[in-house]
Amino acid sequence: MIAHASKFVPAGSVRIASNISGNLQNVAFRTPAGKIVLIVENEGTSQTFNIKYNSKWVSTTLEAGAVGTYIW
């Protein structure tokens, strides 16, 4: 997980949120360039979930054991 995060979260980034929702563990960072990086790990079966930011929603699915990285 740390190796995965290091590819997308550069030095100087700040953690802005983290959460555990059922089998989905997640953490969000703001990078020095102002981007948001959300990393989600699915420790259960395949799950569909929503991401909300600035009143906008996206729905996505992660397979069991997968890690997803979302950048905006």
C-alpha atoms as a PDB file:
ATOM      1  CA  MET A   1       0.000   0.000   0.000  1.00  0.00           C
ATOM      2  CA  ILE A   2       2.822   2.425   0.860  1.00  0.00           C
ATOM      3  CA  ALA A   3       4.580   1.745  -2.453  1.00  0.00           C
ATOM      4  CA  HIS A   4       1.296   2.378  -4.264  1.00  0.00           C
ATOM      5  CA  ALA A   5       0.689   5.656  -2.415  1.00  0.00           C
ATOM      6  CA  SER A   6       4.227   6.890  -3.055  1.00  0.00           C
ATOM      7  CA  LYS A   7       3.564   6.814  -6.809  1.00  0.00           C
ATOM      8  CA  PHE A   8       0.653   9.262  -6.525  1.00  0.00           C
ATOM      9  CA  VAL A   9       1.233  11.248  -3.323  1.00  0.00           C
ATOM     10  CA  PRO A  10       4.368  13.401  -3.673  1.00  0.00           C
ATOM     11  CA  ALA A  11       6.423  14.800  -0.820  1.00  0.00           C
ATOM     12  CA  GLY A  12       4.737  17.823   0.733  1.00  0.00           C
ATOM     13  CA  SER A  13       1.222  16.413   0.362  1.00  0.00           C
ATOM     14  CA  VAL A  14      -1.159  16.765   3.302  1.00  0.00           C
ATOM     15  CA  ARG A  15      -3.694  14.171   4.465  1.00  0.00           C
ATOM     16  CA  ILE A  16      -7.102  15.844   4.398  1.00  0.00           C
ATOM     17  CA  ALA A  17      -9.390  12.916   5.262  1.00  0.00           C
ATOM     18  CA  SER A  18      -9.489   9.230   6.066  1.00  0.00           C
ATOM     19  CA  ASN A  19     -12.284   6.822   6.741  1.00  0.00           C
ATOM     20  CA  ILE A  20     -13.183   3.161   7.118  1.00  0.00           C
ATOM     21  CA  SER A  21     -16.575   2.307   5.671  1.00  0.00           C
ATOM     22  CA  GLY A  22     -17.264  -1.406   5.986  1.00  0.00           C
ATOM     23  CA  ASN A  23     -14.534  -3.161   4.008  1.00  0.00           C
ATOM     24  CA  LEU A  24     -13.424   0.035   2.271  1.00  0.00           C
ATOM     25  CA  GLN A  25     -10.494   1.834   3.867  1.00  0.00           C
ATOM     26  CA  ASN A  26      -9.609   5.172   2.335  1.00  0.00           C
ATOM     27  CA  VAL A  27      -7.387   8.194   2.705  1.00  0.00           C
ATOM     28  CA  ALA A  28      -7.331  11.483   0.795  1.00  0.00           C
ATOM     29  CA  PHE A  29      -4.444  13.907   0.285  1.00  0.00           C
ATOM     30  CA  ARG A  30      -4.001  17.390  -1.174  1.00  0.00           C
ATOM     31  CA  THR A  31      -0.791  17.555  -3.199  1.00  0.00           C
ATOM     32  CA  PRO A  32       1.483  20.611  -3.421  1.00  0.00           C
ATOM     33  CA  ALA A  33       0.078  21.131  -6.944  1.00  0.00           C
ATOM     34  CA  GLY A  34      -3.449  21.404  -5.465  1.00  0.00           C
ATOM     35  CA  LYS A  35      -4.735  18.040  -6.706  1.00  0.00           C
ATOM     36  CA  ILE A  36      -6.771  15.679  -4.541  1.00  0.00           C
ATOM     37  CA  VAL A  37      -5.619  12.046  -4.410  1.00  0.00           C
ATOM     38  CA  LEU A  38      -8.017   9.471  -2.935  1.00  0.00           C
ATOM     39  CA  ILE A  39      -6.747   5.946  -2.281  1.00  0.00           C
ATOM     40  CA  VAL A  40      -9.303   3.241  -1.490  1.00  0.00           C
ATOM     41  CA  GLU A  41      -8.545  -0.347  -0.464  1.00  0.00           C
ATOM     42  CA  ASN A  42     -11.244  -3.018  -0.638  1.00  0.00           C
ATOM     43  CA  GLU A  43     -10.716  -5.739   1.976  1.00  0.00           C
ATOM     44  CA  GLY A  44     -13.992  -7.515   1.187  1.00  0.00           C
ATOM     45  CA  THR A  45     -15.941  -8.742  -1.809  1.00  0.00           C
ATOM     46  CA  SER A  46     -16.465  -6.658  -4.947  1.00  0.00           C
ATOM     47  CA  GLN A  47     -18.114  -3.364  -3.965  1.00  0.00           C
ATOM     48  CA  THR A  48     -19.650  -0.415  -5.751  1.00  0.00           C
ATOM     49  CA  PHE A  49     -19.439   2.896  -3.910  1.00  0.00           C
ATOM     50  CA  ASN A  50     -19.830   6.632  -4.472  1.00  0.00           C
ATOM     51  CA  ILE A  51     -17.294   9.432  -4.227  1.00  0.00           C
ATOM     52  CA  LYS A  52     -18.614  12.940  -3.566  1.00  0.00           C
ATOM     53  CA  TYR A  53     -16.586  16.131  -3.980  1.00  0.00           C
ATOM     54  CA  ASN A  54     -17.891  19.693  -4.382  1.00  0.00           C
ATOM     55  CA  SER A  55     -21.485  18.457  -4.781  1.00  0.00           C
ATOM     56  CA  LYS A  56     -20.488  16.134  -7.645  1.00  0.00           C
ATOM     57  CA  TRP A  57     -20.792  12.352  -7.469  1.00  0.00           C
ATOM     58  CA  VAL A  58     -19.100   9.468  -9.221  1.00  0.00           C
ATOM     59  CA  SER A  59     -19.910   5.786  -8.794  1.00  0.00           C
ATOM     60  CA  THR A  60     -17.149   3.183  -9.108  1.00  0.00           C
ATOM     61  CA  THR A  61     -16.483  -0.469  -8.297  1.00  0.00           C
ATOM     62  CA  LEU A  62     -13.467  -2.165  -6.720  1.00  0.00           C
ATOM     63  CA  GLU A  63     -12.936  -5.906  -6.879  1.00  0.00           C
ATOM     64  CA  ALA A  64     -12.036  -7.879  -3.748  1.00  0.00           C
ATOM     65  CA  GLY A  65      -8.503  -7.070  -2.561  1.00  0.00           C
ATOM     66  CA  ALA A  66      -8.090  -4.218  -5.040  1.00  0.00           C
ATOM     67  CA  VAL A  67      -6.708  -0.738  -4.456  1.00  0.00           C
ATOM     68  CA  GLY A  68      -8.100   2.203  -6.421  1.00  0.00           C
ATOM     69  CA  THR A  69      -6.523   5.628  -6.848  1.00  0.00           C
ATOM     70  CA  TYR A  70      -8.666   8.584  -7.899  1.00  0.00           C
ATOM     71  CA  ILE A  71      -7.107  11.948  -8.756  1.00  0.00           C
ATOM     72  CA  TRP A  72      -8.790  15.253  -9.492  1.00  0.00           C
END
